Amino acid sequence: MSDQIPTDHIPTEPVPVPGPATPPVPGPGTSATGRTRPTRISGTWVAVLVAIVVLVFLLVFILQNLTDVTIHFLGASFTWPLGVSLLFAAIGGAALVALVGAARILQLRRQAKRAPH
């Protein structure tokens, strides 16, 4: 027998050697860590769930404060349950804060448009 290796079946091209694995490229909706990024819709769902919890607490508050009270406002008198009266007062305060906040946002937008770039 001969000690020579037959060369008729040796490939002439180099055989690819597996190297270190490259990390996958993140697709749309995923971050570099591979986790899904939050979307506006998921944020909306969180806000809806928080709003539901707040409304349940408001309902419990109103149902526990059904004692009638007399409200005097601008010469008129109303008799409403205490919980409902306080809820209307809170809504009025929130509306006032939102109105002042909206006016400030409009003011800042006007200043931003006038500012040179």
PDB file of N, CA and C in Angstrom:
ATOM      1  N   MET A   1       0.817  -1.172   0.000  1.00  0.00           N
ATOM      2  CA  MET A   1       0.000   0.000   0.000  1.00  0.00           C
ATOM      3  C   MET A   1       0.864   1.239   0.000  1.00  0.00           C
ATOM      4  N   SER A   2       0.329   2.218  -0.559  1.00  0.00           N
ATOM      5  CA  SER A   2       1.060   3.463  -0.716  1.00  0.00           C
ATOM      6  C   SER A   2       0.673   4.417   0.404  1.00  0.00           C
ATOM      7  N   ASP A   3       1.617   5.224   0.892  1.00  0.00           N
ATOM      8  CA  ASP A   3       1.343   6.203   1.951  1.00  0.00           C
ATOM      9  C   ASP A   3       0.858   7.534   1.395  1.00  0.00           C
ATOM     10  N   GLN A   4       0.651   7.629   0.134  1.00  0.00           N
ATOM     11  CA  GLN A   4       0.205   8.877  -0.464  1.00  0.00           C
ATOM     12  C   GLN A   4      -1.318   8.977  -0.374  1.00  0.00           C
ATOM     13  N   ILE A   5      -1.762  10.196  -0.164  1.00  0.00           N
ATOM     14  CA  ILE A   5      -3.199  10.484  -0.091  1.00  0.00           C
ATOM     15  C   ILE A   5      -3.680  10.849  -1.485  1.00  0.00           C
ATOM     16  N   PRO A   6      -4.760  10.239  -1.916  1.00  0.00           N
ATOM     17  CA  PRO A   6      -5.264  10.594  -3.233  1.00  0.00           C
ATOM     18  C   PRO A   6      -5.748  12.048  -3.226  1.00  0.00           C
ATOM     19  N   THR A   7      -5.439  12.789  -4.252  1.00  0.00           N
ATOM     20  CA  THR A   7      -5.780  14.217  -4.332  1.00  0.00           C
ATOM     21  C   THR A   7      -6.931  14.506  -5.272  1.00  0.00           C
ATOM     22  N   ASP A   8      -7.564  13.507  -5.808  1.00  0.00           N
ATOM     23  CA  ASP A   8      -8.620  13.771  -6.774  1.00  0.00           C
ATOM     24  C   ASP A   8      -9.937  14.213  -6.116  1.00  0.00           C
ATOM     25  N   HIS A   9     -10.117  14.022  -4.842  1.00  0.00           N
ATOM     26  CA  HIS A   9     -11.360  14.453  -4.194  1.00  0.00           C
ATOM     27  C   HIS A   9     -11.126  15.566  -3.155  1.00  0.00           C
ATOM     28  N   ILE A  10      -9.997  16.192  -3.096  1.00  0.00           N
ATOM     29  CA  ILE A  10      -9.724  17.303  -2.176  1.00  0.00           C
ATOM     30  C   ILE A  10     -10.275  18.579  -2.817  1.00  0.00           C
ATOM     31  N   PRO A  11     -11.128  19.317  -2.073  1.00  0.00           N
ATOM     32  CA  PRO A  11     -11.697  20.545  -2.643  1.00  0.00           C
ATOM     33  C   PRO A  11     -10.600  21.596  -2.844  1.00  0.00           C
ATOM     34  N   THR A  12     -10.764  22.350  -3.932  1.00  0.00           N
ATOM     35  CA  THR A  12      -9.785  23.393  -4.225  1.00  0.00           C
ATOM     36  C   THR A  12     -10.162  24.720  -3.591  1.00  0.00           C
ATOM     37  N   GLU A  13     -11.435  24.895  -3.234  1.00  0.00           N
ATOM     38  CA  GLU A  13     -11.874  26.131  -2.582  1.00  0.00           C
ATOM     39  C   GLU A  13     -11.796  25.949  -1.078  1.00  0.00           C
ATOM     40  N   PRO A  14     -11.551  27.043  -0.345  1.00  0.00           N
ATOM     41  CA  PRO A  14     -11.483  26.905   1.119  1.00  0.00           C
ATOM     42  C   PRO A  14     -12.858  26.583   1.698  1.00  0.00           C
ATOM     43  N   VAL A  15     -12.866  25.762   2.696  1.00  0.00           N
ATOM     44  CA  VAL A  15     -14.105  25.392   3.380  1.00  0.00           C
ATOM     45  C   VAL A  15     -14.412  26.478   4.400  1.00  0.00           C
ATOM     46  N   PRO A  16     -15.642  27.027   4.392  1.00  0.00           N
ATOM     47  CA  PRO A  16     -15.968  28.072   5.371  1.00  0.00           C
ATOM     48  C   PRO A  16     -15.962  27.509   6.781  1.00  0.00           C
ATOM     49  N   VAL A  17     -15.297  28.230   7.660  1.00  0.00           N
ATOM     50  CA  VAL A  17     -15.224  27.839   9.062  1.00  0.00           C
ATOM     51  C   VAL A  17     -16.199  28.725   9.826  1.00  0.00           C
ATOM     52  N   PRO A  18     -17.087  28.119  10.613  1.00  0.00           N
ATOM     53  CA  PRO A  18     -18.038  28.960  11.365  1.00  0.00           C
ATOM     54  C   PRO A  18     -17.295  29.833  12.370  1.00  0.00           C
ATOM     55  N   GLY A  19     -17.617  31.121  12.336  1.00  0.00           N
ATOM     56  CA  GLY A  19     -16.997  32.077  13.243  1.00  0.00           C
ATOM     57  C   GLY A  19     -17.964  32.442  14.363  1.00  0.00           C
ATOM     58  N   PRO A  20     -17.656  33.508  15.055  1.00  0.00           N
ATOM     59  CA  PRO A  20     -18.571  33.935  16.113  1.00  0.00           C
ATOM     60  C   PRO A  20     -19.908  34.363  15.513  1.00  0.00           C
ATOM     61  N   ALA A  21     -20.982  34.012  16.202  1.00  0.00           N
ATOM     62  CA  ALA A  21     -22.319  34.339  15.710  1.00  0.00           C
ATOM     63  C   ALA A  21     -22.529  35.844  15.751  1.00  0.00           C
ATOM     64  N   THR A  22     -23.095  36.373  14.702  1.00  0.00           N
ATOM     65  CA  THR A  22     -23.415  37.807  14.680  1.00  0.00           C
ATOM     66  C   THR A  22     -24.780  37.991  15.298  1.00  0.00           C
ATOM     67  N   PRO A  23     -24.948  39.058  16.095  1.00  0.00           N
ATOM     68  CA  PRO A  23     -26.251  39.268  16.719  1.00  0.00           C
ATOM     69  C   PRO A  23     -27.288  39.610  15.656  1.00  0.00           C
ATOM     70  N   PRO A  24     -28.530  39.198  15.879  1.00  0.00           N
ATOM     71  CA  PRO A  24     -29.568  39.503  14.892  1.00  0.00           C
ATOM     72  C   PRO A  24     -29.836  41.001  14.836  1.00  0.00           C
ATOM     73  N   VAL A  25     -30.147  41.474  13.661  1.00  0.00           N
ATOM     74  CA  VAL A  25     -30.483  42.885  13.478  1.00  0.00           C
ATOM     75  C   VAL A  25     -31.912  43.081  13.954  1.00  0.00           C
ATOM     76  N   PRO A  26     -32.128  44.054  14.849  1.00  0.00           N
ATOM     77  CA  PRO A  26     -33.486  44.244  15.347  1.00  0.00           C
ATOM     78  C   PRO A  26     -34.422  44.684  14.221  1.00  0.00           C
ATOM     79  N   GLY A  27     -35.571  44.074  14.160  1.00  0.00           N
ATOM     80  CA  GLY A  27     -36.572  44.422  13.165  1.00  0.00           C
ATOM     81  C   GLY A  27     -37.440  45.559  13.657  1.00  0.00           C
ATOM     82  N   PRO A  28     -38.436  45.940  12.873  1.00  0.00           N
ATOM     83  CA  PRO A  28     -39.313  47.024  13.303  1.00  0.00           C
ATOM     84  C   PRO A  28     -40.088  46.615  14.555  1.00  0.00           C
ATOM     85  N   GLY A  29     -40.189  47.544  15.500  1.00  0.00           N
ATOM     86  CA  GLY A  29     -40.912  47.280  16.731  1.00  0.00           C
ATOM     87  C   GLY A  29     -40.090  46.632  17.821  1.00  0.00           C
ATOM     88  N   THR A  30     -38.792  46.394  17.580  1.00  0.00           N
ATOM     89  CA  THR A  30     -37.947  45.810  18.617  1.00  0.00           C
ATOM     90  C   THR A  30     -36.761  46.717  18.861  1.00  0.00           C
ATOM     91  N   SER A  31     -36.240  46.659  20.068  1.00  0.00           N
ATOM     92  CA  SER A  31     -35.078  47.457  20.424  1.00  0.00           C
ATOM     93  C   SER A  31     -33.820  46.641  20.202  1.00  0.00           C
ATOM     94  N   ALA A  32     -32.663  47.244  20.478  1.00  0.00           N
ATOM     95  CA  ALA A  32     -31.386  46.559  20.281  1.00  0.00           C
ATOM     96  C   ALA A  32     -31.247  45.357  21.211  1.00  0.00           C
ATOM     97  N   THR A  33     -31.967  45.364  22.332  1.00  0.00           N
ATOM     98  CA  THR A  33     -31.897  44.235  23.257  1.00  0.00           C
ATOM     99  C   THR A  33     -32.837  43.108  22.854  1.00  0.00           C
ATOM    100  N   GLY A  34     -33.610  43.310  21.796  1.00  0.00           N
ATOM    101  CA  GLY A  34     -34.527  42.280  21.344  1.00  0.00           C
ATOM    102  C   GLY A  34     -35.903  42.364  21.981  1.00  0.00           C
ATOM    103  N   ARG A  35     -36.101  43.298  22.868  1.00  0.00           N
ATOM    104  CA  ARG A  35     -37.397  43.451  23.525  1.00  0.00           C
ATOM    105  C   ARG A  35     -38.303  44.324  22.668  1.00  0.00           C
ATOM    106  N   THR A  36     -39.578  44.099  22.749  1.00  0.00           N
ATOM    107  CA  THR A  36     -40.540  44.887  22.000  1.00  0.00           C
ATOM    108  C   THR A  36     -40.663  46.276  22.615  1.00  0.00           C
ATOM    109  N   ARG A  37     -40.606  47.297  21.756  1.00  0.00           N
ATOM    110  CA  ARG A  37     -40.749  48.667  22.237  1.00  0.00           C
ATOM    111  C   ARG A  37     -42.215  48.974  22.494  1.00  0.00           C
ATOM    112  N   PRO A  38     -42.508  49.780  23.519  1.00  0.00           N
ATOM    113  CA  PRO A  38     -43.902  50.148  23.763  1.00  0.00           C
ATOM    114  C   PRO A  38     -44.415  51.042  22.634  1.00  0.00           C
ATOM    115  N   THR A  39     -45.681  50.901  22.327  1.00  0.00           N
ATOM    116  CA  THR A  39     -46.305  51.702  21.279  1.00  0.00           C
ATOM    117  C   THR A  39     -47.288  52.687  21.894  1.00  0.00           C
ATOM    118  N   ARG A  40     -47.802  53.567  21.055  1.00  0.00           N
ATOM    119  CA  ARG A  40     -48.808  54.520  21.543  1.00  0.00           C
ATOM    120  C   ARG A  40     -50.064  53.798  21.994  1.00  0.00           C
ATOM    121  N   ILE A  41     -50.420  52.749  21.293  1.00  0.00           N
ATOM    122  CA  ILE A  41     -51.624  52.004  21.659  1.00  0.00           C
ATOM    123  C   ILE A  41     -51.452  51.356  23.026  1.00  0.00           C
ATOM    124  N   SER A  42     -50.277  50.796  23.307  1.00  0.00           N
ATOM    125  CA  SER A  42     -50.073  50.180  24.624  1.00  0.00           C
ATOM    126  C   SER A  42     -50.113  51.246  25.710  1.00  0.00           C
ATOM    127  N   GLY A  43     -49.573  52.426  25.417  1.00  0.00           N
ATOM    128  CA  GLY A  43     -49.667  53.527  26.378  1.00  0.00           C
ATOM    129  C   GLY A  43     -51.099  53.948  26.615  1.00  0.00           C
ATOM    130  N   THR A  44     -51.904  53.917  25.558  1.00  0.00           N
ATOM    131  CA  THR A  44     -53.318  54.265  25.692  1.00  0.00           C
ATOM    132  C   THR A  44     -54.039  53.249  26.559  1.00  0.00           C
ATOM    133  N   TRP A  45     -53.703  51.967  26.379  1.00  0.00           N
ATOM    134  CA  TRP A  45     -54.339  50.941  27.199  1.00  0.00           C
ATOM    135  C   TRP A  45     -53.988  51.118  28.670  1.00  0.00           C
ATOM    136  N   VAL A  46     -52.769  51.462  28.968  1.00  0.00           N
ATOM    137  CA  VAL A  46     -52.372  51.702  30.356  1.00  0.00           C
ATOM    138  C   VAL A  46     -53.166  52.881  30.919  1.00  0.00           C
ATOM    139  N   ALA A  47     -53.301  53.945  30.124  1.00  0.00           N
ATOM    140  CA  ALA A  47     -54.065  55.114  30.576  1.00  0.00           C
ATOM    141  C   ALA A  47     -55.531  54.758  30.805  1.00  0.00           C
ATOM    142  N   VAL A  48     -56.100  53.933  29.943  1.00  0.00           N
ATOM    143  CA  VAL A  48     -57.501  53.518  30.111  1.00  0.00           C
ATOM    144  C   VAL A  48     -57.659  52.706  31.399  1.00  0.00           C
ATOM    145  N   LEU A  49     -56.735  51.803  31.667  1.00  0.00           N
ATOM    146  CA  LEU A  49     -56.824  50.997  32.888  1.00  0.00           C
ATOM    147  C   LEU A  49     -56.701  51.864  34.140  1.00  0.00           C
ATOM    148  N   VAL A  50     -55.792  52.828  34.107  1.00  0.00           N
ATOM    149  CA  VAL A  50     -55.649  53.742  35.246  1.00  0.00           C
ATOM    150  C   VAL A  50     -56.928  54.564  35.420  1.00  0.00           C
ATOM    151  N   ALA A  51     -57.507  55.019  34.315  1.00  0.00           N
ATOM    152  CA  ALA A  51     -58.746  55.801  34.389  1.00  0.00           C
ATOM    153  C   ALA A  51     -59.886  54.972  34.973  1.00  0.00           C
ATOM    154  N   ILE A  52     -59.957  53.698  34.615  1.00  0.00           N
ATOM    155  CA  ILE A  52     -61.006  52.830  35.165  1.00  0.00           C
ATOM    156  C   ILE A  52     -60.854  52.698  36.677  1.00  0.00           C
ATOM    157  N   VAL A  53     -59.625  52.529  37.152  1.00  0.00           N
ATOM    158  CA  VAL A  53     -59.386  52.417  38.597  1.00  0.00           C
ATOM    159  C   VAL A  53     -59.790  53.711  39.301  1.00  0.00           C
ATOM    160  N   VAL A  54     -59.426  54.850  38.719  1.00  0.00           N
ATOM    161  CA  VAL A  54     -59.793  56.148  39.313  1.00  0.00           C
ATOM    162  C   VAL A  54     -61.303  56.306  39.348  1.00  0.00           C
ATOM    163  N   LEU A  55     -61.992  55.924  38.281  1.00  0.00           N
ATOM    164  CA  LEU A  55     -63.454  56.047  38.250  1.00  0.00           C
ATOM    165  C   LEU A  55     -64.119  55.141  39.278  1.00  0.00           C
ATOM    166  N   VAL A  56     -63.556  53.955  39.514  1.00  0.00           N
ATOM    167  CA  VAL A  56     -64.113  53.071  40.546  1.00  0.00           C
ATOM    168  C   VAL A  56     -63.967  53.723  41.916  1.00  0.00           C
ATOM    169  N   PHE A  57     -62.796  54.327  42.180  1.00  0.00           N
ATOM    170  CA  PHE A  57     -62.613  55.019  43.458  1.00  0.00           C
ATOM    171  C   PHE A  57     -63.577  56.201  43.590  1.00  0.00           C
ATOM    172  N   LEU A  58     -63.795  56.939  42.510  1.00  0.00           N
ATOM    173  CA  LEU A  58     -64.754  58.055  42.555  1.00  0.00           C
ATOM    174  C   LEU A  58     -66.165  57.551  42.832  1.00  0.00           C
ATOM    175  N   LEU A  59     -66.539  56.464  42.206  1.00  0.00           N
ATOM    176  CA  LEU A  59     -67.871  55.906  42.436  1.00  0.00           C
ATOM    177  C   LEU A  59     -68.044  55.489  43.891  1.00  0.00           C
ATOM    178  N   VAL A  60     -67.043  54.830  44.453  1.00  0.00           N
ATOM    179  CA  VAL A  60     -67.108  54.436  45.868  1.00  0.00           C
ATOM    180  C   VAL A  60     -67.213  55.680  46.748  1.00  0.00           C
ATOM    181  N   PHE A  61     -66.424  56.721  46.433  1.00  0.00           N
ATOM    182  CA  PHE A  61     -66.471  57.957  47.210  1.00  0.00           C
ATOM    183  C   PHE A  61     -67.864  58.578  47.168  1.00  0.00           C
ATOM    184  N   ILE A  62     -68.449  58.654  45.981  1.00  0.00           N
ATOM    185  CA  ILE A  62     -69.773  59.268  45.852  1.00  0.00           C
ATOM    186  C   ILE A  62     -70.821  58.440  46.594  1.00  0.00           C
ATOM    187  N   LEU A  63     -70.764  57.121  46.454  1.00  0.00           N
ATOM    188  CA  LEU A  63     -71.757  56.271  47.115  1.00  0.00           C
ATOM    189  C   LEU A  63     -71.638  56.316  48.635  1.00  0.00           C
ATOM    190  N   GLN A  64     -70.448  56.606  49.164  1.00  0.00           N
ATOM    191  CA  GLN A  64     -70.288  56.699  50.613  1.00  0.00           C
ATOM    192  C   GLN A  64     -70.617  58.089  51.146  1.00  0.00           C
ATOM    193  N   ASN A  65     -70.821  59.066  50.264  1.00  0.00           N
ATOM    194  CA  ASN A  65     -71.113  60.438  50.683  1.00  0.00           C
ATOM    195  C   ASN A  65     -72.397  60.917  50.021  1.00  0.00           C
ATOM    196  N   LEU A  66     -73.493  60.238  50.322  1.00  0.00           N
ATOM    197  CA  LEU A  66     -74.789  60.581  49.731  1.00  0.00           C
ATOM    198  C   LEU A  66     -75.615  61.536  50.581  1.00  0.00           C
ATOM    199  N   THR A  67     -75.058  62.053  51.647  1.00  0.00           N
ATOM    200  CA  THR A  67     -75.775  63.004  52.487  1.00  0.00           C
ATOM    201  C   THR A  67     -76.014  64.275  51.692  1.00  0.00           C
ATOM    202  N   ASP A  68     -77.259  64.750  51.686  1.00  0.00           N
ATOM    203  CA  ASP A  68     -77.584  65.969  50.942  1.00  0.00           C
ATOM    204  C   ASP A  68     -77.006  67.202  51.620  1.00  0.00           C
ATOM    205  N   VAL A  69     -76.465  68.075  50.797  1.00  0.00           N
ATOM    206  CA  VAL A  69     -75.960  69.356  51.275  1.00  0.00           C
ATOM    207  C   VAL A  69     -76.541  70.446  50.374  1.00  0.00           C
ATOM    208  N   THR A  70     -76.678  71.634  50.942  1.00  0.00           N
ATOM    209  CA  THR A  70     -77.186  72.765  50.171  1.00  0.00           C
ATOM    210  C   THR A  70     -76.002  73.571  49.671  1.00  0.00           C
ATOM    211  N   ILE A  71     -75.955  73.793  48.362  1.00  0.00           N
ATOM    212  CA  ILE A  71     -74.877  74.544  47.719  1.00  0.00           C
ATOM    213  C   ILE A  71     -75.445  75.886  47.285  1.00  0.00           C
ATOM    214  N   HIS A  72     -74.756  76.960  47.649  1.00  0.00           N
ATOM    215  CA  HIS A  72     -75.138  78.309  47.224  1.00  0.00           C
ATOM    216  C   HIS A  72     -74.086  78.788  46.240  1.00  0.00           C
ATOM    217  N   PHE A  73     -74.537  79.142  45.006  1.00  0.00           N
ATOM    218  CA  PHE A  73     -73.599  79.584  43.975  1.00  0.00           C
ATOM    219  C   PHE A  73     -74.270  80.639  43.108  1.00  0.00           C
ATOM    220  N   LEU A  74     -73.684  81.824  43.085  1.00  0.00           N
ATOM    221  CA  LEU A  74     -74.172  82.956  42.279  1.00  0.00           C
ATOM    222  C   LEU A  74     -75.662  83.214  42.492  1.00  0.00           C
ATOM    223  N   GLY A  75     -76.075  83.224  43.733  1.00  0.00           N
ATOM    224  CA  GLY A  75     -77.462  83.528  44.079  1.00  0.00           C
ATOM    225  C   GLY A  75     -78.405  82.349  43.962  1.00  0.00           C
ATOM    226  N   ALA A  76     -77.949  81.223  43.454  1.00  0.00           N
ATOM    227  CA  ALA A  76     -78.812  80.048  43.336  1.00  0.00           C
ATOM    228  C   ALA A  76     -78.485  79.070  44.463  1.00  0.00           C
ATOM    229  N   SER A  77     -79.454  78.255  44.797  1.00  0.00           N
ATOM    230  CA  SER A  77     -79.262  77.231  45.828  1.00  0.00           C
ATOM    231  C   SER A  77     -79.598  75.870  45.234  1.00  0.00           C
ATOM    232  N   PHE A  78     -78.733  74.902  45.494  1.00  0.00           N
ATOM    233  CA  PHE A  78     -78.941  73.538  45.027  1.00  0.00           C
ATOM    234  C   PHE A  78     -78.806  72.602  46.211  1.00  0.00           C
ATOM    235  N   THR A  79     -79.569  71.541  46.194  1.00  0.00           N
ATOM    236  CA  THR A  79     -79.416  70.488  47.190  1.00  0.00           C
ATOM    237  C   THR A  79     -78.983  69.233  46.437  1.00  0.00           C
ATOM    238  N   TRP A  80     -77.738  68.857  46.658  1.00  0.00           N
ATOM    239  CA  TRP A  80     -77.145  67.697  45.992  1.00  0.00           C
ATOM    240  C   TRP A  80     -76.447  66.833  47.024  1.00  0.00           C
ATOM    241  N   PRO A  81     -76.192  65.593  46.676  1.00  0.00           N
ATOM    242  CA  PRO A  81     -75.368  64.768  47.558  1.00  0.00           C
ATOM    243  C   PRO A  81     -73.953  65.355  47.667  1.00  0.00           C
ATOM    244  N   LEU A  82     -73.340  65.211  48.832  1.00  0.00           N
ATOM    245  CA  LEU A  82     -72.009  65.764  49.087  1.00  0.00           C
ATOM    246  C   LEU A  82     -70.977  65.245  48.087  1.00  0.00           C
ATOM    247  N   GLY A  83     -70.985  63.948  47.797  1.00  0.00           N
ATOM    248  CA  GLY A  83     -70.008  63.362  46.872  1.00  0.00           C
ATOM    249  C   GLY A  83     -70.112  63.954  45.478  1.00  0.00           C
ATOM    250  N   VAL A  84     -71.348  64.160  45.004  1.00  0.00           N
ATOM    251  CA  VAL A  84     -71.557  64.752  43.681  1.00  0.00           C
ATOM    252  C   VAL A  84     -71.086  66.206  43.672  1.00  0.00           C
ATOM    253  N   SER A  85     -71.357  66.935  44.732  1.00  0.00           N
ATOM    254  CA  SER A  85     -70.931  68.334  44.821  1.00  0.00           C
ATOM    255  C   SER A  85     -69.415  68.447  44.780  1.00  0.00           C
ATOM    256  N   LEU A  86     -68.727  67.585  45.534  1.00  0.00           N
ATOM    257  CA  LEU A  86     -67.271  67.614  45.532  1.00  0.00           C
ATOM    258  C   LEU A  86     -66.704  67.185  44.174  1.00  0.00           C
ATOM    259  N   LEU A  87     -67.374  66.243  43.508  1.00  0.00           N
ATOM    260  CA  LEU A  87     -66.937  65.825  42.180  1.00  0.00           C
ATOM    261  C   LEU A  87     -67.040  66.994  41.191  1.00  0.00           C
ATOM    262  N   PHE A  88     -68.151  67.729  41.225  1.00  0.00           N
ATOM    263  CA  PHE A  88     -68.283  68.891  40.346  1.00  0.00           C
ATOM    264  C   PHE A  88     -67.239  69.954  40.664  1.00  0.00           C
ATOM    265  N   ALA A  89     -66.934  70.145  41.943  1.00  0.00           N
ATOM    266  CA  ALA A  89     -65.896  71.116  42.308  1.00  0.00           C
ATOM    267  C   ALA A  89     -64.534  70.682  41.755  1.00  0.00           C
ATOM    268  N   ALA A  90     -64.234  69.386  41.840  1.00  0.00           N
ATOM    269  CA  ALA A  90     -62.963  68.882  41.314  1.00  0.00           C
ATOM    270  C   ALA A  90     -62.906  69.020  39.792  1.00  0.00           C
ATOM    271  N   ILE A  91     -64.017  68.754  39.114  1.00  0.00           N
ATOM    272  CA  ILE A  91     -64.064  68.908  37.657  1.00  0.00           C
ATOM    273  C   ILE A  91     -63.869  70.370  37.276  1.00  0.00           C
ATOM    274  N   GLY A  92     -64.483  71.281  38.010  1.00  0.00           N
ATOM    275  CA  GLY A  92     -64.302  72.712  37.742  1.00  0.00           C
ATOM    276  C   GLY A  92     -62.855  73.133  37.937  1.00  0.00           C
ATOM    277  N   GLY A  93     -62.217  72.650  38.993  1.00  0.00           N
ATOM    278  CA  GLY A  93     -60.809  72.972  39.223  1.00  0.00           C
ATOM    279  C   GLY A  93     -59.907  72.408  38.136  1.00  0.00           C
ATOM    280  N   ALA A  94     -60.163  71.179  37.712  1.00  0.00           N
ATOM    281  CA  ALA A  94     -59.371  70.570  36.642  1.00  0.00           C
ATOM    282  C   ALA A  94     -59.559  71.325  35.331  1.00  0.00           C
ATOM    283  N   ALA A  95     -60.786  71.754  35.042  1.00  0.00           N
ATOM    284  CA  ALA A  95     -61.045  72.515  33.813  1.00  0.00           C
ATOM    285  C   ALA A  95     -60.306  73.852  33.840  1.00  0.00           C
ATOM    286  N   LEU A  96     -60.262  74.482  35.003  1.00  0.00           N
ATOM    287  CA  LEU A  96     -59.543  75.750  35.120  1.00  0.00           C
ATOM    288  C   LEU A  96     -58.045  75.559  34.904  1.00  0.00           C
ATOM    289  N   VAL A  97     -57.470  74.517  35.489  1.00  0.00           N
ATOM    290  CA  VAL A  97     -56.050  74.227  35.308  1.00  0.00           C
ATOM    291  C   VAL A  97     -55.758  73.905  33.838  1.00  0.00           C
ATOM    292  N   ALA A  98     -56.637  73.126  33.186  1.00  0.00           N
ATOM    293  CA  ALA A  98     -56.446  72.790  31.773  1.00  0.00           C
ATOM    294  C   ALA A  98     -56.524  74.042  30.903  1.00  0.00           C
ATOM    295  N   LEU A  99     -57.405  74.949  31.219  1.00  0.00           N
ATOM    296  CA  LEU A  99     -57.539  76.188  30.452  1.00  0.00           C
ATOM    297  C   LEU A  99     -56.276  77.042  30.570  1.00  0.00           C
ATOM    298  N   VAL A 100     -55.752  77.193  31.770  1.00  0.00           N
ATOM    299  CA  VAL A 100     -54.522  77.969  31.966  1.00  0.00           C
ATOM    300  C   VAL A 100     -53.346  77.265  31.282  1.00  0.00           C
ATOM    301  N   GLY A 101     -53.277  75.945  31.382  1.00  0.00           N
ATOM    302  CA  GLY A 101     -52.204  75.198  30.726  1.00  0.00           C
ATOM    303  C   GLY A 101     -52.262  75.332  29.209  1.00  0.00           C
ATOM    304  N   ALA A 102     -53.471  75.270  28.641  1.00  0.00           N
ATOM    305  CA  ALA A 102     -53.621  75.415  27.190  1.00  0.00           C
ATOM    306  C   ALA A 102     -53.198  76.809  26.739  1.00  0.00           C
ATOM    307  N   ALA A 103     -53.551  77.842  27.516  1.00  0.00           N
ATOM    308  CA  ALA A 103     -53.137  79.203  27.173  1.00  0.00           C
ATOM    309  C   ALA A 103     -51.612  79.327  27.197  1.00  0.00           C
ATOM    310  N   ARG A 104     -50.970  78.703  28.166  1.00  0.00           N
ATOM    311  CA  ARG A 104     -49.506  78.755  28.248  1.00  0.00           C
ATOM    312  C   ARG A 104     -48.853  78.015  27.077  1.00  0.00           C
ATOM    313  N   ILE A 105     -49.399  76.882  26.702  1.00  0.00           N
ATOM    314  CA  ILE A 105     -48.861  76.131  25.559  1.00  0.00           C
ATOM    315  C   ILE A 105     -48.983  76.953  24.282  1.00  0.00           C
ATOM    316  N   LEU A 106     -50.126  77.597  24.077  1.00  0.00           N
ATOM    317  CA  LEU A 106     -50.293  78.450  22.888  1.00  0.00           C
ATOM    318  C   LEU A 106     -49.298  79.597  22.896  1.00  0.00           C
ATOM    319  N   GLN A 107     -49.059  80.187  24.059  1.00  0.00           N
ATOM    320  CA  GLN A 107     -48.088  81.268  24.180  1.00  0.00           C
ATOM    321  C   GLN A 107     -46.686  80.785  23.810  1.00  0.00           C
ATOM    322  N   LEU A 108     -46.288  79.628  24.295  1.00  0.00           N
ATOM    323  CA  LEU A 108     -44.968  79.091  23.992  1.00  0.00           C
ATOM    324  C   LEU A 108     -44.832  78.723  22.515  1.00  0.00           C
ATOM    325  N   ARG A 109     -45.893  78.228  21.905  1.00  0.00           N
ATOM    326  CA  ARG A 109     -45.846  77.908  20.472  1.00  0.00           C
ATOM    327  C   ARG A 109     -45.663  79.172  19.636  1.00  0.00           C
ATOM    328  N   ARG A 110     -46.353  80.232  20.001  1.00  0.00           N
ATOM    329  CA  ARG A 110     -46.167  81.506  19.277  1.00  0.00           C
ATOM    330  C   ARG A 110     -44.737  82.011  19.391  1.00  0.00           C
ATOM    331  N   GLN A 111     -44.175  81.914  20.597  1.00  0.00           N
ATOM    332  CA  GLN A 111     -42.783  82.350  20.784  1.00  0.00           C
ATOM    333  C   GLN A 111     -41.821  81.478  19.990  1.00  0.00           C
ATOM    334  N   ALA A 112     -42.092  80.200  19.894  1.00  0.00           N
ATOM    335  CA  ALA A 112     -41.209  79.297  19.150  1.00  0.00           C
ATOM    336  C   ALA A 112     -41.248  79.598  17.651  1.00  0.00           C
ATOM    337  N   LYS A 113     -42.424  79.973  17.143  1.00  0.00           N
ATOM    338  CA  LYS A 113     -42.550  80.310  15.716  1.00  0.00           C
ATOM    339  C   LYS A 113     -41.819  81.613  15.391  1.00  0.00           C
ATOM    340  N   ARG A 114     -41.822  82.553  16.326  1.00  0.00           N
ATOM    341  CA  ARG A 114     -41.197  83.849  16.094  1.00  0.00           C
ATOM    342  C   ARG A 114     -39.671  83.793  16.249  1.00  0.00           C
ATOM    343  N   ALA A 115     -39.191  82.825  17.011  1.00  0.00           N
ATOM    344  CA  ALA A 115     -37.745  82.747  17.293  1.00  0.00           C
ATOM    345  C   ALA A 115     -36.969  82.434  16.021  1.00  0.00           C
ATOM    346  N   PRO A 116     -35.844  83.120  15.794  1.00  0.00           N
ATOM    347  CA  PRO A 116     -35.031  82.808  14.597  1.00  0.00           C
ATOM    348  C   PRO A 116     -34.362  81.449  14.758  1.00  0.00           C
ATOM    349  N   HIS A 117     -34.227  80.753  13.656  1.00  0.00           N
ATOM    350  CA  HIS A 117     -33.629  79.410  13.699  1.00  0.00           C
ATOM    351  C   HIS A 117     -32.179  79.473  13.373  1.00  0.00           C
TER     352      HIS A 117
END
